[in-house]
Amino acid sequence: MTIWTDRLDKIQAGQAAKPRVVEILRLPDIVSWRPGQVVTKWETDEDFFTTGGQLFGGYLGALADQVMGHTAMSVLEDENAFRTVQMNVTFYRPVRAGVLWITGRVTHKTRQAVHVQVDFTDADDALMCSVTGIQIVFPRTPRSTP
């Protein structure tokens, strides 16, 4: 167990203090995780829909960034911290009301970076959106501790 996986366990159990940004954006908690993978379930919130009745793409980016971070945490050593340095979003279908399953998977890891893919699927398992990203890894300081 690392400080990072301990934090994932606390998030999943609803026992972790949430950063203010997570509360403001109403980002979801973790449903399950294992090394290299995190699964989140989010019931769409119409407060984040455009006038066209679909989810605002920037909000999908926020959801993806959170899941990418949690996924990186699942494989990080105690002495390291991380930050998102790249995200690429591909939209396949408009997201409308309903449930989204958000799954992050580590696709490649080096000493300096964790590459993650995040897939958004609906209740029928249709792929709605995919995000690839890179988490840069650096030495942990007191400020970068969870």
C-alpha atoms as a PDB file:
ATOM      1  CA  MET A   1       0.000   0.000   0.000  1.00  0.00           C
ATOM      2  CA  THR A   2       1.172   3.540  -0.777  1.00  0.00           C
ATOM      3  CA  ILE A   3      -0.098   6.920   0.371  1.00  0.00           C
ATOM      4  CA  TRP A   4      -1.766   7.117  -3.037  1.00  0.00           C
ATOM      5  CA  THR A   5      -3.593   3.789  -2.890  1.00  0.00           C
ATOM      6  CA  ASP A   6      -4.607   4.555   0.698  1.00  0.00           C
ATOM      7  CA  ARG A   7      -6.161   7.777  -0.622  1.00  0.00           C
ATOM      8  CA  LEU A   8      -7.995   5.837  -3.353  1.00  0.00           C
ATOM      9  CA  ASP A   9      -9.422   3.487  -0.707  1.00  0.00           C
ATOM     10  CA  LYS A  10     -10.606   6.491   1.332  1.00  0.00           C
ATOM     11  CA  ILE A  11     -12.160   8.165  -1.713  1.00  0.00           C
ATOM     12  CA  GLN A  12     -13.981   4.942  -2.621  1.00  0.00           C
ATOM     13  CA  ALA A  13     -15.240   4.580   0.974  1.00  0.00           C
ATOM     14  CA  GLY A  14     -16.399   8.215   1.052  1.00  0.00           C
ATOM     15  CA  GLN A  15     -13.924   8.975   3.870  1.00  0.00           C
ATOM     16  CA  ALA A  16     -11.562  11.370   2.073  1.00  0.00           C
ATOM     17  CA  ALA A  17     -11.804  15.123   2.444  1.00  0.00           C
ATOM     18  CA  LYS A  18     -12.676  16.485  -0.983  1.00  0.00           C
ATOM     19  CA  PRO A  19     -10.779  19.386  -2.491  1.00  0.00           C
ATOM     20  CA  ARG A  20     -13.016  22.428  -2.939  1.00  0.00           C
ATOM     21  CA  VAL A  21     -12.884  22.142  -6.740  1.00  0.00           C
ATOM     22  CA  VAL A  22     -14.283  18.586  -6.524  1.00  0.00           C
ATOM     23  CA  GLU A  23     -17.204  19.867  -4.460  1.00  0.00           C
ATOM     24  CA  ILE A  24     -17.874  22.848  -6.736  1.00  0.00           C
ATOM     25  CA  LEU A  25     -17.822  20.709  -9.889  1.00  0.00           C
ATOM     26  CA  ARG A  26     -19.697  17.841  -8.174  1.00  0.00           C
ATOM     27  CA  LEU A  27     -17.167  15.301  -9.444  1.00  0.00           C
ATOM     28  CA  PRO A  28     -18.033  11.685  -8.593  1.00  0.00           C
ATOM     29  CA  ASP A  29     -16.336   9.269  -6.231  1.00  0.00           C
ATOM     30  CA  ILE A  30     -14.649   6.044  -7.269  1.00  0.00           C
ATOM     31  CA  VAL A  31     -16.756   2.893  -7.732  1.00  0.00           C
ATOM     32  CA  SER A  32     -13.767   0.550  -7.916  1.00  0.00           C
ATOM     33  CA  TRP A  33     -10.064   0.548  -8.526  1.00  0.00           C
ATOM     34  CA  ARG A  34      -7.114  -1.780  -8.906  1.00  0.00           C
ATOM     35  CA  PRO A  35      -3.534  -1.060  -9.950  1.00  0.00           C
ATOM     36  CA  GLY A  36      -3.695   0.523 -13.392  1.00  0.00           C
ATOM     37  CA  GLN A  37      -7.488   0.980 -13.514  1.00  0.00           C
ATOM     38  CA  VAL A  38     -10.160   3.181 -11.936  1.00  0.00           C
ATOM     39  CA  VAL A  39     -13.919   3.024 -12.540  1.00  0.00           C
ATOM     40  CA  THR A  40     -16.302   5.873 -11.754  1.00  0.00           C
ATOM     41  CA  LYS A  41     -20.054   6.160 -12.249  1.00  0.00           C
ATOM     42  CA  TRP A  42     -21.635   9.561 -12.843  1.00  0.00           C
ATOM     43  CA  GLU A  43     -25.325  10.327 -13.176  1.00  0.00           C
ATOM     44  CA  THR A  44     -25.500  13.243 -15.561  1.00  0.00           C
ATOM     45  CA  ASP A  45     -26.440  16.570 -14.042  1.00  0.00           C
ATOM     46  CA  GLU A  46     -28.436  18.872 -16.308  1.00  0.00           C
ATOM     47  CA  ASP A  47     -26.739  21.883 -14.678  1.00  0.00           C
ATOM     48  CA  PHE A  48     -23.790  21.018 -16.936  1.00  0.00           C
ATOM     49  CA  PHE A  49     -25.808  20.695 -20.162  1.00  0.00           C
ATOM     50  CA  THR A  50     -25.727  23.168 -23.037  1.00  0.00           C
ATOM     51  CA  THR A  51     -28.854  24.786 -24.445  1.00  0.00           C
ATOM     52  CA  GLY A  52     -28.823  21.995 -27.045  1.00  0.00           C
ATOM     53  CA  GLY A  53     -29.511  19.398 -24.345  1.00  0.00           C
ATOM     54  CA  GLN A  54     -26.107  17.734 -24.283  1.00  0.00           C
ATOM     55  CA  LEU A  55     -23.289  17.678 -21.766  1.00  0.00           C
ATOM     56  CA  PHE A  56     -20.788  20.538 -22.042  1.00  0.00           C
ATOM     57  CA  GLY A  57     -17.540  19.128 -23.444  1.00  0.00           C
ATOM     58  CA  GLY A  58     -15.408  21.073 -20.982  1.00  0.00           C
ATOM     59  CA  TYR A  59     -17.141  19.284 -18.133  1.00  0.00           C
ATOM     60  CA  LEU A  60     -16.237  15.937 -19.727  1.00  0.00           C
ATOM     61  CA  GLY A  61     -12.662  17.219 -19.637  1.00  0.00           C
ATOM     62  CA  ALA A  62     -12.943  17.881 -15.892  1.00  0.00           C
ATOM     63  CA  LEU A  63     -14.358  14.389 -15.312  1.00  0.00           C
ATOM     64  CA  ALA A  64     -11.566  12.866 -17.408  1.00  0.00           C
ATOM     65  CA  ASP A  65      -8.861  14.839 -15.606  1.00  0.00           C
ATOM     66  CA  GLN A  66     -10.106  13.576 -12.246  1.00  0.00           C
ATOM     67  CA  VAL A  67     -10.190   9.946 -13.422  1.00  0.00           C
ATOM     68  CA  MET A  68      -6.753  10.290 -15.059  1.00  0.00           C
ATOM     69  CA  GLY A  69      -5.365  11.528 -11.757  1.00  0.00           C
ATOM     70  CA  HIS A  70      -6.957   8.708  -9.782  1.00  0.00           C
ATOM     71  CA  THR A  71      -5.678   6.188 -12.310  1.00  0.00           C
ATOM     72  CA  ALA A  72      -2.143   7.551 -12.039  1.00  0.00           C
ATOM     73  CA  MET A  73      -2.422   7.347  -8.232  1.00  0.00           C
ATOM     74  CA  SER A  74      -3.116   3.620  -8.543  1.00  0.00           C
ATOM     75  CA  VAL A  75       0.432   2.988  -9.818  1.00  0.00           C
ATOM     76  CA  LEU A  76       2.440   5.754  -8.142  1.00  0.00           C
ATOM     77  CA  GLU A  77       5.172   5.234  -5.561  1.00  0.00           C
ATOM     78  CA  ASP A  78       5.135   7.101  -2.232  1.00  0.00           C
ATOM     79  CA  GLU A  79       8.030   9.370  -3.141  1.00  0.00           C
ATOM     80  CA  ASN A  80       6.337  10.699  -6.290  1.00  0.00           C
ATOM     81  CA  ALA A  81       3.572  13.124  -7.177  1.00  0.00           C
ATOM     82  CA  PHE A  82       1.973  13.917 -10.539  1.00  0.00           C
ATOM     83  CA  ARG A  83       0.250  16.580 -12.649  1.00  0.00           C
ATOM     84  CA  THR A  84      -1.652  16.466 -15.923  1.00  0.00           C
ATOM     85  CA  VAL A  85       0.471  17.809 -18.767  1.00  0.00           C
ATOM     86  CA  GLN A  86      -1.575  16.665 -21.758  1.00  0.00           C
ATOM     87  CA  MET A  87      -5.162  15.703 -22.560  1.00  0.00           C
ATOM     88  CA  ASN A  88      -6.669  14.824 -25.941  1.00  0.00           C
ATOM     89  CA  VAL A  89     -10.423  14.410 -26.152  1.00  0.00           C
ATOM     90  CA  THR A  90     -12.310  12.569 -28.894  1.00  0.00           C
ATOM     91  CA  PHE A  91     -16.101  12.880 -28.884  1.00  0.00           C
ATOM     92  CA  TYR A  92     -18.111  10.105 -30.558  1.00  0.00           C
ATOM     93  CA  ARG A  93     -21.695  10.805 -29.502  1.00  0.00           C
ATOM     94  CA  PRO A  94     -23.389  13.627 -27.627  1.00  0.00           C
ATOM     95  CA  VAL A  95     -23.850  12.821 -23.942  1.00  0.00           C
ATOM     96  CA  ARG A  96     -27.411  13.337 -22.808  1.00  0.00           C
ATOM     97  CA  ALA A  97     -29.312  12.502 -19.611  1.00  0.00           C
ATOM     98  CA  GLY A  98     -28.471   9.179 -17.989  1.00  0.00           C
ATOM     99  CA  VAL A  99     -25.599   7.325 -16.387  1.00  0.00           C
ATOM    100  CA  LEU A 100     -21.999   7.481 -17.575  1.00  0.00           C
ATOM    101  CA  TRP A 101     -19.424   4.859 -16.683  1.00  0.00           C
ATOM    102  CA  ILE A 102     -15.949   6.365 -16.734  1.00  0.00           C
ATOM    103  CA  THR A 103     -13.017   3.947 -16.859  1.00  0.00           C
ATOM    104  CA  GLY A 104      -9.383   5.003 -16.677  1.00  0.00           C
ATOM    105  CA  ARG A 105      -6.571   2.620 -17.661  1.00  0.00           C
ATOM    106  CA  VAL A 106      -2.814   3.058 -17.561  1.00  0.00           C
ATOM    107  CA  THR A 107      -1.559   2.408 -21.080  1.00  0.00           C
ATOM    108  CA  HIS A 108       2.137   3.080 -20.419  1.00  0.00           C
ATOM    109  CA  LYS A 109       4.273   4.033 -17.420  1.00  0.00           C
ATOM    110  CA  THR A 110       7.821   5.273 -17.147  1.00  0.00           C
ATOM    111  CA  ARG A 111       9.736   6.848 -14.261  1.00  0.00           C
ATOM    112  CA  GLN A 112       8.726  10.282 -15.560  1.00  0.00           C
ATOM    113  CA  ALA A 113       5.208   9.821 -16.915  1.00  0.00           C
ATOM    114  CA  VAL A 114       1.999   7.850 -16.652  1.00  0.00           C
ATOM    115  CA  HIS A 115      -0.050   7.586 -19.862  1.00  0.00           C
ATOM    116  CA  VAL A 116      -3.758   7.051 -19.264  1.00  0.00           C
ATOM    117  CA  GLN A 117      -6.808   6.412 -21.429  1.00  0.00           C
ATOM    118  CA  VAL A 118     -10.243   7.297 -20.093  1.00  0.00           C
ATOM    119  CA  ASP A 119     -13.370   5.921 -21.791  1.00  0.00           C
ATOM    120  CA  PHE A 120     -16.883   7.223 -21.198  1.00  0.00           C
ATOM    121  CA  THR A 121     -19.674   4.726 -21.901  1.00  0.00           C
ATOM    122  CA  ASP A 122     -23.405   4.974 -21.382  1.00  0.00           C
ATOM    123  CA  ALA A 123     -25.695   2.474 -19.652  1.00  0.00           C
ATOM    124  CA  ASP A 124     -25.854   0.466 -22.910  1.00  0.00           C
ATOM    125  CA  ASP A 125     -22.021   0.304 -23.053  1.00  0.00           C
ATOM    126  CA  ALA A 126     -21.888   2.621 -26.090  1.00  0.00           C
ATOM    127  CA  LEU A 127     -18.627   4.583 -26.250  1.00  0.00           C
ATOM    128  CA  MET A 128     -19.447   8.287 -25.935  1.00  0.00           C
ATOM    129  CA  CYS A 129     -16.014   9.846 -25.556  1.00  0.00           C
ATOM    130  CA  SER A 130     -12.345   8.848 -25.142  1.00  0.00           C
ATOM    131  CA  VAL A 131      -9.591  10.872 -23.531  1.00  0.00           C
ATOM    132  CA  THR A 132      -5.886  10.135 -23.634  1.00  0.00           C
ATOM    133  CA  GLY A 133      -3.549  11.970 -21.338  1.00  0.00           C
ATOM    134  CA  ILE A 134      -0.164  12.125 -19.731  1.00  0.00           C
ATOM    135  CA  GLN A 135       0.540  12.608 -16.050  1.00  0.00           C
ATOM    136  CA  ILE A 136       4.072  13.890 -15.439  1.00  0.00           C
ATOM    137  CA  VAL A 137       5.745  12.270 -12.420  1.00  0.00           C
ATOM    138  CA  PHE A 138       8.023  14.266 -10.116  1.00  0.00           C
ATOM    139  CA  PRO A 139       9.406  14.032  -6.558  1.00  0.00           C
ATOM    140  CA  ARG A 140       6.737  14.575  -3.916  1.00  0.00           C
ATOM    141  CA  THR A 141       6.963  17.599  -1.636  1.00  0.00           C
ATOM    142  CA  PRO A 142       4.782  18.459   1.387  1.00  0.00           C
ATOM    143  CA  ARG A 143       2.669  20.658  -0.923  1.00  0.00           C
ATOM    144  CA  SER A 144       2.031  17.779  -3.388  1.00  0.00           C
ATOM    145  CA  THR A 145       0.988  15.232  -0.734  1.00  0.00           C
ATOM    146  CA  PRO A 146      -2.617  14.032  -0.916  1.00  0.00           C
END
